[in-house]
């Protein structure tokens, strides 16, 4: 069993009629007894009442059940309102429900659940799992990857992860329910997003908004403290983690407990945040554990790449993050808090600021913007808005092969639409996959990872705060900064988080150029369908000029090669999933 094989759904195989057959119960019971730890939340339930017979499994936590009897509460919701009764559940859980009487299976993933469900239909056999690798290595599934998804990874933003890369797999999205009546009858009922989120602000007075925001943060933070374990926080000098650190340390201190901050320093580089991090911990009066992260950079660790089961993409900073997990675990931390999800709560798109000002009739702010940007730039933006802007065509990177460009251009869903504008990022693939990868990388260190910003009330509030309140004076998260004034050091409230001219990745790349070349040309067939070989030759020569995107593409080629090798028989991920 692999280190991420800690979820109950990873071994639920539902064949033919998708039922928990009698002869499989002993096998399932044996698995539960031997592999589910007491801290695991995966549970299987059975419920009978007259002719009604339900079997279901829950992975995660449901927050709003009035009854302690989960089986009875969930069953009553389903019996009273049908599958729509499941929509009433709140929290972060995935549910498989099988109604024996009508031979129908329902897959439901609540909003904000970090680990998606997948199912696959091959040769009339159905399987459900939270681990795509487990499905991928079924004997009746082809051993191939999806070319379009891989091409999108190379064309995407270096900070994004992208979706699952298996053509056969369909993920259950946030708040989505799937009905499976047979192997050939899979339905996805439409549910309007407005059923969950409401575009209504509780008030428009800025001070009232600030008070409401602070209360929501305090509520969200209080929910993560559920036991007597040792709590730590992965702290940066940004607004998101420092805000959570304030409310969490305050709560723990009230219980006579302590919050420890964990982070890294990068001496001599513009990415170093240690000075401001120390200011934060001094202000909050919490201990800080820093480690030197210079040696943990991408191309210095080619022989120990941390591969994730569900995607070949490895973010350039994951080496630092995983090193932070390791050190926190060695220090005795049992629960590690993050503020990463806070990046998506407030809209701060400066390019839509003018539109927002017209929408809210805040014309008094036009003068302030002109003073910052100049009259000509603002006038052009107003003109474009009044003419109803046209979407610009995506410019695909020069490194892509003609085949890769054709794949992307033929895909109708590649360009982002305006539907669900407020929520599409916060519910998007980056943060879904971030949480799955985060769980995977933290598992070896026995850390429970919690993201307080994944809170539906906080999301609904924050994403409806107008842009002119969240982006002002060329500062992102202006509203958050104002809300935390007096509670956090002034230095982090009035300046950008870190510099942009870091040389760490560049130095790491050129320091290991020989090893990089060896890894790249080890198996060029794994990436040359997407990246031009002449481009790669140019970027790997001595003295070549490379930018951050070039380094991202080269790194992705290396990890794609390693990942494809790892999922083959004899590879590390294949062995772990078998």
Protein backbone atom coordinates (compact mmCIF):
# COMPACT_ATOMS: atom_id res chain seq x y z
CA UNK A 1 0.00 0.00 0.00
CA UNK A 2 1.24 3.46 -0.84
CA UNK A 3 1.65 6.28 1.64
CA UNK A 4 -1.34 8.15 0.25
CA UNK A 5 -3.47 4.99 0.43
CA UNK A 6 -5.13 6.20 3.60
CA UNK A 7 -8.61 6.81 2.29
CA UNK A 8 -11.47 4.38 2.52
CA UNK A 9 -12.75 4.97 -1.01
CA UNK A 10 -9.43 3.87 -2.49
CA UNK A 11 -10.53 0.23 -2.25
CA UNK A 12 -14.25 0.35 -2.90
CA UNK A 13 -14.81 -1.56 -6.16
CA UNK A 14 -18.42 -1.55 -7.26
CA UNK A 15 -18.88 -3.96 -10.15
CA UNK A 16 -21.72 -4.50 -12.64
CA UNK A 17 -24.78 -3.31 -10.70
CA UNK A 18 -22.72 -1.06 -8.45
CA UNK A 19 -23.86 -2.70 -5.20
CA UNK A 20 -22.03 -3.71 -2.07
CA UNK A 21 -22.55 -7.43 -2.75
CA UNK A 22 -22.78 -9.84 0.16
CA UNK A 23 -19.65 -11.73 -0.83
CA UNK A 24 -17.55 -8.56 -0.80
CA UNK A 25 -18.48 -7.46 2.72
CA UNK A 26 -15.94 -9.68 4.46
CA UNK A 27 -13.20 -8.34 2.20
CA UNK A 28 -14.24 -4.74 2.89
CA UNK A 29 -14.47 -5.40 6.64
CA UNK A 30 -11.03 -6.95 6.61
CA UNK A 31 -9.63 -3.94 4.77
CA UNK A 32 -11.21 -1.50 7.22
CA UNK A 33 -9.85 -3.42 10.20
CA UNK A 34 -6.30 -3.52 8.85
CA UNK A 35 -5.82 -0.18 7.09
CA UNK A 36 -8.17 2.47 8.49
CA UNK A 37 -6.55 4.24 11.42
CA UNK A 38 -8.66 5.60 14.33
CA UNK A 39 -8.09 9.15 13.01
CA UNK A 40 -9.41 8.35 9.55
CA UNK A 41 -12.82 9.70 8.64
CA UNK A 42 -13.78 7.09 6.02
CA UNK A 43 -16.91 5.25 7.20
CA UNK A 44 -19.38 2.77 5.72
CA UNK A 45 -23.02 2.66 6.85
CA UNK A 46 -26.09 0.50 6.29
CA UNK A 47 -29.66 1.58 6.95
CA UNK A 48 -32.92 -0.39 6.76
CA UNK A 49 -36.51 0.68 7.35
CA UNK A 50 -39.25 -1.56 5.99
CA UNK A 51 -38.63 -2.08 2.30
CA UNK A 52 -35.97 0.61 2.19
CA UNK A 53 -32.38 -0.58 2.19
CA UNK A 54 -29.52 1.92 1.82
CA UNK A 55 -25.76 1.39 1.88
CA UNK A 56 -23.37 4.33 1.81
CA UNK A 57 -19.85 5.46 2.56
CA UNK A 58 -18.66 8.89 3.68
CA UNK A 59 -15.13 10.22 3.35
CA UNK A 60 -14.60 13.51 5.19
CA UNK A 61 -16.64 15.50 7.68
CA UNK A 62 -20.25 16.73 7.66
CA UNK A 63 -20.68 19.83 9.83
CA UNK A 64 -24.44 20.39 10.07
CA UNK A 65 -26.00 17.09 11.12
CA UNK A 66 -28.27 17.60 14.12
CA UNK A 67 -28.23 13.90 14.96
CA UNK A 68 -25.22 11.93 16.18
CA UNK A 69 -26.55 9.02 14.13
CA UNK A 70 -25.02 9.83 10.73
CA UNK A 71 -26.65 6.85 9.01
CA UNK A 72 -30.13 7.83 10.19
CA UNK A 73 -29.69 11.56 9.45
CA UNK A 74 -28.37 11.10 5.91
CA UNK A 75 -30.94 8.39 5.14
CA UNK A 76 -33.84 10.58 6.30
CA UNK A 77 -32.65 13.45 4.10
CA UNK A 78 -32.53 11.12 1.12
CA UNK A 79 -35.92 9.54 1.83
CA UNK A 80 -37.66 12.89 2.35
CA UNK A 81 -36.21 14.84 -0.59
CA UNK A 82 -34.61 12.25 -2.88
CA UNK A 83 -31.05 12.87 -4.00
CA UNK A 84 -31.65 16.62 -3.61
CA UNK A 85 -31.77 15.98 0.13
CA UNK A 86 -28.00 15.45 -0.01
CA UNK A 87 -27.66 19.10 -1.06
CA UNK A 88 -28.61 20.12 2.49
CA UNK A 89 -25.38 18.65 3.86
CA UNK A 90 -22.51 21.04 4.64
CA UNK A 91 -18.85 20.38 5.28
CA UNK A 92 -16.06 18.72 3.34
CA UNK A 93 -17.04 15.19 2.46
CA UNK A 94 -17.59 12.82 -0.44
CA UNK A 95 -20.50 10.38 -0.32
CA UNK A 96 -21.31 7.14 -2.16
CA UNK A 97 -24.95 6.13 -1.58
CA UNK A 98 -26.44 2.93 -2.99
CA UNK A 99 -30.23 2.51 -2.92
CA UNK A 100 -30.66 -1.26 -3.04
CA UNK A 101 -34.40 -1.05 -3.74
CA UNK A 102 -33.96 0.79 -7.05
CA UNK A 103 -30.44 -0.47 -7.81
CA UNK A 104 -29.08 3.08 -8.18
CA UNK A 105 -25.85 4.65 -6.95
CA UNK A 106 -25.40 8.33 -6.10
CA UNK A 107 -21.98 9.99 -5.92
CA UNK A 108 -22.01 13.36 -4.17
CA UNK A 109 -19.14 15.66 -3.35
CA UNK A 110 -19.91 18.55 -1.01
CA UNK A 111 -18.50 21.97 -1.71
CA UNK A 112 -14.92 22.50 -0.57
CA UNK A 113 -14.01 18.82 -0.29
CA UNK A 114 -10.31 18.62 -1.10
CA UNK A 115 -10.23 15.12 -2.59
CA UNK A 116 -12.43 14.48 -5.67
CA UNK A 117 -14.12 11.21 -6.45
CA UNK A 118 -13.45 9.47 -9.75
CA UNK A 119 -15.28 6.72 -11.53
CA UNK A 120 -14.49 4.84 -14.69
CA UNK A 121 -16.60 2.78 -17.08
CA UNK A 122 -14.55 0.14 -18.93
CA UNK A 123 -15.90 -3.13 -20.31
CA UNK A 124 -19.11 -2.71 -18.32
CA UNK A 125 -17.16 -2.54 -15.04
CA UNK A 126 -17.43 0.46 -12.76
CA UNK A 127 -15.00 1.54 -10.05
CA UNK A 128 -15.12 4.45 -7.61
CA UNK A 129 -11.99 5.89 -6.01
CA UNK A 130 -10.32 9.02 -4.72
CA UNK A 131 -7.04 7.77 -6.19
CA UNK A 132 -6.84 7.88 -10.01
CA UNK A 133 -3.70 5.73 -10.00
CA UNK A 134 -5.71 2.87 -8.52
CA UNK A 135 -8.16 3.11 -11.41
CA UNK A 136 -5.40 3.59 -13.94
CA UNK A 137 -3.80 0.26 -13.09
CA UNK A 138 -6.93 -1.79 -13.36
CA UNK A 139 -6.32 -4.55 -15.91
CA UNK A 140 -9.26 -3.47 -18.04
CA UNK A 141 -8.06 0.15 -18.45
CA UNK A 142 -5.73 1.27 -21.20
CA UNK A 143 -2.25 2.36 -20.15
CA UNK A 144 -2.17 5.80 -21.71
CA UNK A 145 -2.45 9.46 -20.81
CA UNK A 146 -4.62 12.14 -22.30
CA UNK A 147 -2.73 14.23 -24.84
CA UNK A 148 -4.92 17.30 -24.50
CA UNK A 149 -4.55 17.51 -20.72
CA UNK A 150 -0.77 17.19 -21.00
CA UNK A 151 -0.69 19.87 -23.71
CA UNK A 152 -2.68 22.18 -21.41
CA UNK A 153 -0.11 21.70 -18.65
CA UNK A 154 2.65 22.94 -20.96
CA UNK A 155 0.50 25.85 -22.13
CA UNK A 156 -0.73 26.84 -18.68
CA UNK A 157 0.44 29.24 -16.05
CA UNK A 158 3.54 27.95 -14.19
CA UNK A 159 1.70 28.27 -10.89
CA UNK A 160 -1.27 26.12 -11.92
CA UNK A 161 -1.65 22.38 -11.58
CA UNK A 162 -4.33 21.58 -14.14
CA UNK A 163 -6.93 18.84 -13.97
CA UNK A 164 -6.58 15.07 -13.93
CA UNK A 165 -4.85 13.83 -17.06
CA UNK A 166 -6.81 10.64 -17.60
CA UNK A 167 -9.32 10.68 -20.46
CA UNK A 168 -11.30 7.82 -18.88
CA UNK A 169 -11.72 9.52 -15.50
CA UNK A 170 -14.51 11.93 -14.65
CA UNK A 171 -14.23 13.83 -11.39
CA UNK A 172 -17.21 14.73 -9.27
CA UNK A 173 -16.97 18.51 -9.00
CA UNK A 174 -17.70 20.86 -6.10
CA UNK A 175 -21.33 20.40 -5.06
CA UNK A 176 -21.96 18.00 -7.93
CA UNK A 177 -24.05 14.84 -7.78
CA UNK A 178 -23.83 11.92 -10.20
CA UNK A 179 -26.54 9.27 -10.59
CA UNK A 180 -25.51 5.83 -11.86
CA UNK A 181 -28.44 3.54 -12.74
CA UNK A 182 -26.34 1.06 -14.71
CA UNK A 183 -22.98 0.85 -16.42
CA UNK A 184 -24.43 2.62 -19.44
CA UNK A 185 -26.63 5.13 -17.61
CA UNK A 186 -24.65 7.88 -15.87
CA UNK A 187 -26.46 11.18 -15.25
CA UNK A 188 -25.18 14.49 -13.91
CA UNK A 189 -28.19 16.53 -12.67
CA UNK A 190 -27.72 20.27 -13.10
CA UNK A 191 -27.75 22.32 -9.93
CA UNK A 192 -27.55 26.12 -10.17
CA UNK A 193 -24.62 27.56 -8.27
CA UNK A 194 -26.93 30.22 -6.87
CA UNK A 195 -28.50 27.51 -4.71
CA UNK A 196 -25.34 27.57 -2.62
CA UNK A 197 -23.95 31.08 -3.04
CA UNK A 198 -25.94 34.30 -2.88
CA UNK A 199 -24.73 37.53 -4.47
CA UNK A 200 -26.04 39.65 -1.62
CA UNK A 201 -23.81 41.64 0.73
CA UNK A 202 -25.01 41.83 4.33
CA UNK A 203 -24.20 45.56 4.33
CA UNK A 204 -22.31 48.20 2.37
CA UNK A 205 -20.77 50.22 5.18
CA UNK A 206 -17.01 49.52 5.13
CA UNK A 207 -16.59 49.36 8.90
CA UNK A 208 -19.52 46.96 9.24
CA UNK A 209 -18.00 44.82 6.51
CA UNK A 210 -14.71 44.75 8.39
CA UNK A 211 -16.41 43.68 11.62
CA UNK A 212 -18.36 40.96 9.78
CA UNK A 213 -15.16 39.74 8.10
CA UNK A 214 -13.28 39.52 11.40
CA UNK A 215 -16.15 37.58 12.98
CA UNK A 216 -16.29 35.13 10.06
CA UNK A 217 -12.52 34.60 10.28
CA UNK A 218 -12.78 33.96 14.01
CA UNK A 219 -15.60 31.46 13.43
CA UNK A 220 -13.73 29.68 10.63
CA UNK A 221 -10.57 29.44 12.73
CA UNK A 222 -12.39 28.17 15.81
CA UNK A 223 -13.71 25.21 13.80
CA UNK A 224 -10.22 23.83 13.16
CA UNK A 225 -9.44 23.42 16.89
CA UNK A 226 -11.04 20.12 17.78
CA UNK A 227 -8.55 18.25 19.94
CA UNK A 228 -5.52 18.54 22.22
CA UNK A 229 -2.94 18.01 19.48
CA UNK A 230 0.02 20.32 18.88
CA UNK A 231 -0.86 22.99 16.31
CA UNK A 232 1.52 24.69 13.89
CA UNK A 233 1.06 27.10 11.01
CA UNK A 234 3.01 27.31 7.76
CA UNK A 235 3.69 31.05 7.87
CA UNK A 236 4.66 33.47 5.12
CA UNK A 237 4.80 37.26 5.30
CA UNK A 238 1.59 37.50 3.26
CA UNK A 239 -1.81 38.59 4.50
CA UNK A 240 -3.51 35.20 4.33
CA UNK A 241 -1.38 33.03 6.62
CA UNK A 242 -0.58 35.91 9.00
CA UNK A 243 -4.30 36.68 9.38
CA UNK A 244 -5.06 33.06 10.24
CA UNK A 245 -2.07 33.06 12.63
CA UNK A 246 -3.57 36.03 14.50
CA UNK A 247 -6.99 34.44 15.06
CA UNK A 248 -5.67 30.92 15.68
CA UNK A 249 -3.01 32.01 18.20
CA UNK A 250 -5.61 34.10 20.02
CA UNK A 251 -7.97 31.10 20.29
CA UNK A 252 -5.26 28.69 21.43
CA UNK A 253 -3.86 31.18 23.94
CA UNK A 254 -7.34 31.43 25.47
CA UNK A 255 -7.13 27.68 26.07
CA UNK A 256 -3.66 27.91 27.58
CA UNK A 257 -2.08 26.41 24.48
CA UNK A 258 0.51 27.60 21.97
CA UNK A 259 0.71 27.98 18.18
CA UNK A 260 4.13 27.45 16.56
CA UNK A 261 5.02 29.06 13.21
CA UNK A 262 7.14 27.14 10.66
CA UNK A 263 8.82 28.72 7.65
CA UNK A 264 12.10 29.08 5.76
CA UNK A 265 14.69 31.73 5.05
CA UNK A 266 16.50 32.30 1.75
CA UNK A 267 19.51 34.48 2.66
CA UNK A 268 20.52 37.04 0.07
CA UNK A 269 17.55 36.46 -2.24
CA UNK A 270 14.55 38.67 -2.95
CA UNK A 271 12.22 35.77 -2.12
CA UNK A 272 13.44 35.79 1.48
CA UNK A 273 10.58 36.71 3.81
CA UNK A 274 12.20 35.89 7.12
CA UNK A 275 12.53 39.50 8.36
CA UNK A 276 8.81 40.21 8.03
CA UNK A 277 7.90 36.75 9.29
CA UNK A 278 9.85 37.50 12.46
CA UNK A 279 7.96 40.79 12.78
CA UNK A 280 4.68 38.88 12.62
CA UNK A 281 5.63 36.27 15.21
CA UNK A 282 7.01 38.98 17.52
CA UNK A 283 3.75 40.90 17.23
CA UNK A 284 1.66 37.78 17.89
CA UNK A 285 4.06 36.50 20.56
CA UNK A 286 4.31 33.00 19.08
CA UNK A 287 7.45 30.87 18.60
CA UNK A 288 9.02 30.65 15.12
CA UNK A 289 11.03 27.75 13.66
CA UNK A 290 12.97 28.78 10.51
CA UNK A 291 15.18 26.60 8.31
CA UNK A 292 17.58 27.55 5.54
CA UNK A 293 15.89 26.68 2.26
CA UNK A 294 18.71 27.42 -0.19
CA UNK A 295 19.50 23.72 -0.71
CA UNK A 296 15.90 22.68 -1.32
CA UNK A 297 15.45 24.22 -4.75
CA UNK A 298 14.08 22.46 -7.79
CA UNK A 299 17.00 21.37 -9.96
CA UNK A 300 19.15 20.43 -6.96
CA UNK A 301 16.76 17.57 -6.18
CA UNK A 302 16.36 15.77 -9.51
CA UNK A 303 17.02 12.35 -8.01
CA UNK A 304 14.38 12.77 -5.29
CA UNK A 305 11.46 14.31 -7.19
CA UNK A 306 8.25 14.14 -5.15
CA UNK A 307 5.78 12.62 -7.57
CA UNK A 308 2.07 12.84 -6.92
CA UNK A 309 -0.22 9.99 -8.02
CA UNK A 310 -2.74 12.03 -10.00
CA UNK A 311 -0.59 14.36 -12.13
CA UNK A 312 2.98 14.70 -13.36
CA UNK A 313 3.07 18.41 -12.58
CA UNK A 314 5.25 19.38 -9.63
CA UNK A 315 5.21 23.02 -8.56
CA UNK A 316 8.63 24.68 -8.42
CA UNK A 317 8.25 25.47 -4.71
CA UNK A 318 7.04 22.07 -3.56
CA UNK A 319 10.54 21.13 -2.45
CA UNK A 320 10.44 23.95 0.10
CA UNK A 321 6.91 23.14 1.19
CA UNK A 322 7.64 19.45 1.68
CA UNK A 323 10.83 20.32 3.59
CA UNK A 324 8.68 22.51 5.83
CA UNK A 325 6.35 19.56 6.50
CA UNK A 326 9.33 17.41 7.43
CA UNK A 327 10.74 19.93 9.89
CA UNK A 328 7.34 20.65 11.46
CA UNK A 329 6.80 16.93 11.98
CA UNK A 330 10.27 16.51 13.50
CA UNK A 331 9.41 19.35 15.89
CA UNK A 332 6.35 17.46 17.10
CA UNK A 333 3.59 19.29 15.22
CA UNK A 334 0.51 17.13 14.64
CA UNK A 335 -1.79 19.61 12.88
CA UNK A 336 -0.41 22.13 10.38
CA UNK A 337 -2.56 25.07 9.30
CA UNK A 338 -2.23 26.87 5.96
CA UNK A 339 -3.60 30.11 4.53
CA UNK A 340 -3.07 29.30 0.85
CA UNK A 341 -6.77 29.27 -0.04
CA UNK A 342 -7.12 32.90 1.03
CA UNK A 343 -5.57 33.98 -2.28
CA UNK A 344 -8.83 33.20 -4.03
CA UNK A 345 -11.31 34.74 -1.60
CA UNK A 346 -11.02 38.36 -2.67
CA UNK A 347 -11.16 39.50 -6.27
CA UNK A 348 -8.40 41.97 -7.00
CA UNK A 349 -8.33 42.01 -10.81
CA UNK A 350 -7.23 45.56 -11.60
CA UNK A 351 -8.35 45.12 -15.20
CA UNK A 352 -11.95 44.85 -14.04
CA UNK A 353 -11.75 47.73 -11.59
CA UNK A 354 -13.25 50.26 -14.01
CA UNK A 355 -16.15 47.93 -14.75
CA UNK A 356 -16.70 47.51 -11.01
CA UNK A 357 -16.69 51.28 -10.44
CA UNK A 358 -19.34 51.80 -13.12
CA UNK A 359 -21.39 48.91 -11.74
CA UNK A 360 -21.39 50.37 -8.22
CA UNK A 361 -21.48 54.00 -9.37
CA UNK A 362 -18.34 54.89 -7.40
CA UNK A 363 -17.18 57.54 -9.89
CA UNK A 364 -15.38 59.37 -7.06
CA UNK A 365 -12.64 56.74 -7.35
CA UNK A 366 -11.83 57.62 -10.98
CA UNK A 367 -9.65 60.55 -9.89
CA UNK A 368 -7.60 58.30 -7.61
CA UNK A 369 -6.99 55.80 -10.44
CA UNK A 370 -5.98 58.55 -12.88
CA UNK A 371 -3.41 59.82 -10.37
CA UNK A 372 -1.90 56.33 -10.20
CA UNK A 373 -2.01 55.30 -13.86
CA UNK A 374 -2.31 58.49 -15.87
CA UNK A 375 -5.25 59.83 -17.85
CA UNK A 376 -4.46 58.11 -21.16
CA UNK A 377 -4.36 54.57 -19.73
CA UNK A 378 -7.56 55.00 -17.75
CA UNK A 379 -9.41 56.64 -20.65
CA UNK A 380 -8.56 53.70 -22.90
CA UNK A 381 -9.80 51.25 -20.31
CA UNK A 382 -13.09 53.14 -19.87
CA UNK A 383 -13.53 53.19 -23.64
CA UNK A 384 -12.97 49.45 -23.90
CA UNK A 385 -15.47 48.82 -21.11
CA UNK A 386 -18.15 51.03 -22.63
CA UNK A 387 -17.72 49.28 -25.99
CA UNK A 388 -18.26 45.91 -24.24
CA UNK A 389 -14.92 44.16 -24.26
CA UNK A 390 -14.12 41.37 -26.65
CA UNK A 391 -12.27 38.34 -25.35
CA UNK A 392 -8.74 38.19 -26.68
CA UNK A 393 -7.54 34.92 -28.18
CA UNK A 394 -5.12 32.89 -26.09
CA UNK A 395 -1.51 33.24 -27.27
CA UNK A 396 0.12 29.82 -27.08
CA UNK A 397 3.80 29.57 -26.06
CA UNK A 398 6.46 29.32 -28.76
CA UNK A 399 7.91 26.18 -27.15
CA UNK A 400 4.83 24.10 -28.06
CA UNK A 401 4.86 21.78 -31.06
CA UNK A 402 2.33 22.29 -33.84
CA UNK A 403 0.49 19.18 -32.65
CA UNK A 404 0.16 20.53 -29.10
CA UNK A 405 -1.12 23.90 -30.35
CA UNK A 406 -3.70 22.17 -32.55
CA UNK A 407 -4.90 20.07 -29.62
CA UNK A 408 -5.49 23.15 -27.48
CA UNK A 409 -7.04 25.29 -30.23
CA UNK A 410 -9.50 22.52 -31.04
CA UNK A 411 -10.64 22.25 -27.46
CA UNK A 412 -13.74 24.40 -27.03
CA UNK A 413 -13.49 24.55 -23.24
CA UNK A 414 -9.95 25.91 -23.04
CA UNK A 415 -10.93 29.59 -22.93
CA UNK A 416 -12.53 30.72 -19.69
CA UNK A 417 -16.05 32.08 -19.89
CA UNK A 418 -17.66 34.69 -17.67
CA UNK A 419 -20.11 32.27 -16.01
CA UNK A 420 -19.77 32.13 -12.23
CA UNK A 421 -17.08 34.82 -12.40
CA UNK A 422 -16.94 35.36 -8.66
CA UNK A 423 -16.48 31.71 -7.81
CA UNK A 424 -14.76 29.96 -10.71
CA UNK A 425 -11.27 30.51 -9.30
CA UNK A 426 -12.06 29.65 -5.72
CA UNK A 427 -13.72 26.42 -6.85
CA UNK A 428 -11.23 25.76 -9.64
CA UNK A 429 -8.78 22.99 -10.37
CA UNK A 430 -5.74 24.74 -8.85
CA UNK A 431 -7.03 24.65 -5.31
CA UNK A 432 -8.80 21.31 -5.65
CA UNK A 433 -5.55 19.72 -6.77
CA UNK A 434 -3.50 21.77 -4.31
CA UNK A 435 -5.38 20.21 -1.39
CA UNK A 436 -5.05 16.70 -2.79
CA UNK A 437 -1.33 17.12 -3.38
CA UNK A 438 -0.95 18.79 0.00
CA UNK A 439 -2.53 15.79 1.70
CA UNK A 440 -0.31 13.44 -0.30
CA UNK A 441 2.97 15.20 0.54
CA UNK A 442 2.16 15.71 4.20
CA UNK A 443 1.05 12.10 4.83
CA UNK A 444 4.56 10.63 5.33
CA UNK A 445 5.12 13.09 8.16
CA UNK A 446 1.92 12.19 10.04
CA UNK A 447 0.61 15.75 9.72
CA UNK A 448 -3.04 16.61 9.50
CA UNK A 449 -3.37 19.56 7.12
CA UNK A 450 -6.23 22.05 7.58
CA UNK A 451 -7.20 25.05 5.45
CA UNK A 452 -9.45 27.43 7.50
CA UNK A 453 -10.26 29.61 4.47
CA UNK A 454 -12.19 26.69 2.99
CA UNK A 455 -15.32 27.89 4.69
CA UNK A 456 -18.52 28.38 2.74
CA UNK A 457 -19.76 31.39 4.75
CA UNK A 458 -16.39 33.12 4.45
CA UNK A 459 -16.25 32.44 0.71
CA UNK A 460 -19.74 33.74 0.12
CA UNK A 461 -18.95 36.96 2.01
CA UNK A 462 -15.50 37.62 0.60
CA UNK A 463 -16.21 36.92 -3.06
CA UNK A 464 -19.04 39.43 -3.04
CA UNK A 465 -17.00 42.33 -1.67
CA UNK A 466 -16.65 44.75 -4.66
CA UNK A 467 -13.30 44.98 -6.42
CA UNK A 468 -13.00 48.68 -5.60
CA UNK A 469 -12.85 47.67 -1.93
CA UNK A 470 -10.30 44.90 -2.48
CA UNK A 471 -7.91 46.63 -4.91
CA UNK A 472 -6.94 50.20 -4.06
CA UNK A 473 -3.78 52.32 -4.22
CA UNK A 474 -2.13 49.57 -6.31
CA UNK A 475 -2.42 47.18 -3.38
CA UNK A 476 -4.05 43.78 -3.67
CA UNK A 477 -6.19 42.63 -0.72
CA UNK A 478 -6.74 46.26 0.27
CA UNK A 479 -9.86 45.31 2.25
CA UNK A 480 -8.00 42.58 4.16
CA UNK A 481 -5.13 44.92 4.95
CA UNK A 482 -7.54 47.51 6.30
CA UNK A 483 -9.43 44.90 8.31
CA UNK A 484 -6.22 43.72 10.02
CA UNK A 485 -4.80 47.18 10.76
CA UNK A 486 -3.61 47.31 14.34
CA UNK A 487 -3.65 43.52 14.64
CA UNK A 488 -0.62 42.79 12.44
CA UNK A 489 2.69 44.64 11.90
CA UNK A 490 2.27 47.76 9.75
CA UNK A 491 5.15 46.70 7.46
CA UNK A 492 3.21 43.80 5.95
CA UNK A 493 0.05 45.87 5.58
CA UNK A 494 1.59 48.59 3.39
CA UNK A 495 3.90 46.67 1.04
CA UNK A 496 3.93 43.78 -1.39
CA UNK A 497 4.87 40.42 0.09
CA UNK A 498 8.18 39.62 -1.67
CA UNK A 499 10.47 40.66 -4.50
CA UNK A 500 10.19 39.45 -8.09
CA UNK A 501 13.82 39.19 -9.20
CA UNK A 502 14.74 35.92 -7.49
CA UNK A 503 17.72 34.05 -8.96
CA UNK A 504 17.35 30.88 -6.88
CA UNK A 505 15.78 28.73 -9.60
CA UNK A 506 18.16 30.07 -12.28
CA UNK A 507 21.20 29.29 -10.15
CA UNK A 508 19.85 25.85 -9.31
CA UNK A 509 19.26 25.16 -13.02
CA UNK A 510 22.73 26.17 -14.24
CA UNK A 511 24.39 24.53 -11.23
CA UNK A 512 22.85 21.21 -12.32
CA UNK A 513 22.82 21.73 -16.10
CA UNK A 514 24.65 18.46 -16.86
CA UNK A 515 22.20 16.43 -14.78
CA UNK A 516 19.26 18.35 -16.32
CA UNK A 517 20.43 17.42 -19.84
CA UNK A 518 20.73 13.75 -18.84
CA UNK A 519 17.22 13.69 -17.41
CA UNK A 520 15.69 15.52 -20.38
CA UNK A 521 17.22 13.25 -23.03
CA UNK A 522 16.64 10.08 -21.02
CA UNK A 523 13.30 9.60 -22.78
CA UNK A 524 12.45 12.48 -25.16
CA UNK A 525 9.44 10.60 -26.53
CA UNK A 526 7.61 11.36 -23.28
CA UNK A 527 7.56 15.10 -24.00
CA UNK A 528 8.50 15.78 -27.65
CA UNK A 529 4.88 15.52 -28.79
CA UNK A 530 4.29 18.74 -26.87
CA UNK A 531 7.61 20.62 -26.80
CA UNK A 532 9.81 21.33 -29.85
CA UNK A 533 13.16 19.54 -29.60
CA UNK A 534 15.02 22.44 -31.25
CA UNK A 535 13.63 24.75 -28.55
CA UNK A 536 14.89 22.34 -25.88
CA UNK A 537 18.38 22.12 -27.47
CA UNK A 538 18.59 25.93 -27.46
CA UNK A 539 17.56 26.28 -23.82
CA UNK A 540 19.99 23.59 -22.60
CA UNK A 541 23.13 24.99 -24.21
CA UNK A 542 25.80 26.70 -22.09
CA UNK A 543 25.05 30.39 -21.58
CA UNK A 544 21.50 30.18 -22.93
CA UNK A 545 19.03 32.82 -21.79
CA UNK A 546 16.14 31.26 -19.85
CA UNK A 547 13.21 32.86 -18.06
CA UNK A 548 10.93 31.46 -15.36
CA UNK A 549 8.50 30.01 -17.90
CA UNK A 550 11.35 28.23 -19.72
CA UNK A 551 12.46 26.69 -16.44
CA UNK A 552 8.88 25.62 -15.69
CA UNK A 553 8.61 23.84 -19.07
CA UNK A 554 11.97 22.09 -18.64
CA UNK A 555 11.04 21.02 -15.12
CA UNK A 556 7.67 19.71 -16.34
CA UNK A 557 9.39 17.66 -19.07
CA UNK A 558 11.64 16.08 -16.44
CA UNK A 559 8.78 15.31 -14.06
CA UNK A 560 6.56 14.01 -16.88
CA UNK A 561 9.34 11.59 -17.87
CA UNK A 562 9.81 10.49 -14.26
CA UNK A 563 6.07 10.18 -13.68
CA UNK A 564 5.46 8.05 -16.78
CA UNK A 565 8.27 5.77 -15.63
CA UNK A 566 6.88 5.61 -12.08
CA UNK A 567 3.38 4.47 -13.12
CA UNK A 568 4.69 1.59 -15.24
CA UNK A 569 5.11 -1.91 -13.78
CA UNK A 570 8.10 -1.77 -11.45
CA UNK A 571 7.78 1.98 -10.92
CA UNK A 572 7.33 3.53 -7.48
CA UNK A 573 3.74 4.70 -8.00
CA UNK A 574 2.69 1.48 -9.71
CA UNK A 575 3.99 -0.63 -6.83
CA UNK A 576 2.28 1.66 -4.35
CA UNK A 577 -1.06 1.40 -6.12
CA UNK A 578 -1.05 -2.34 -6.69
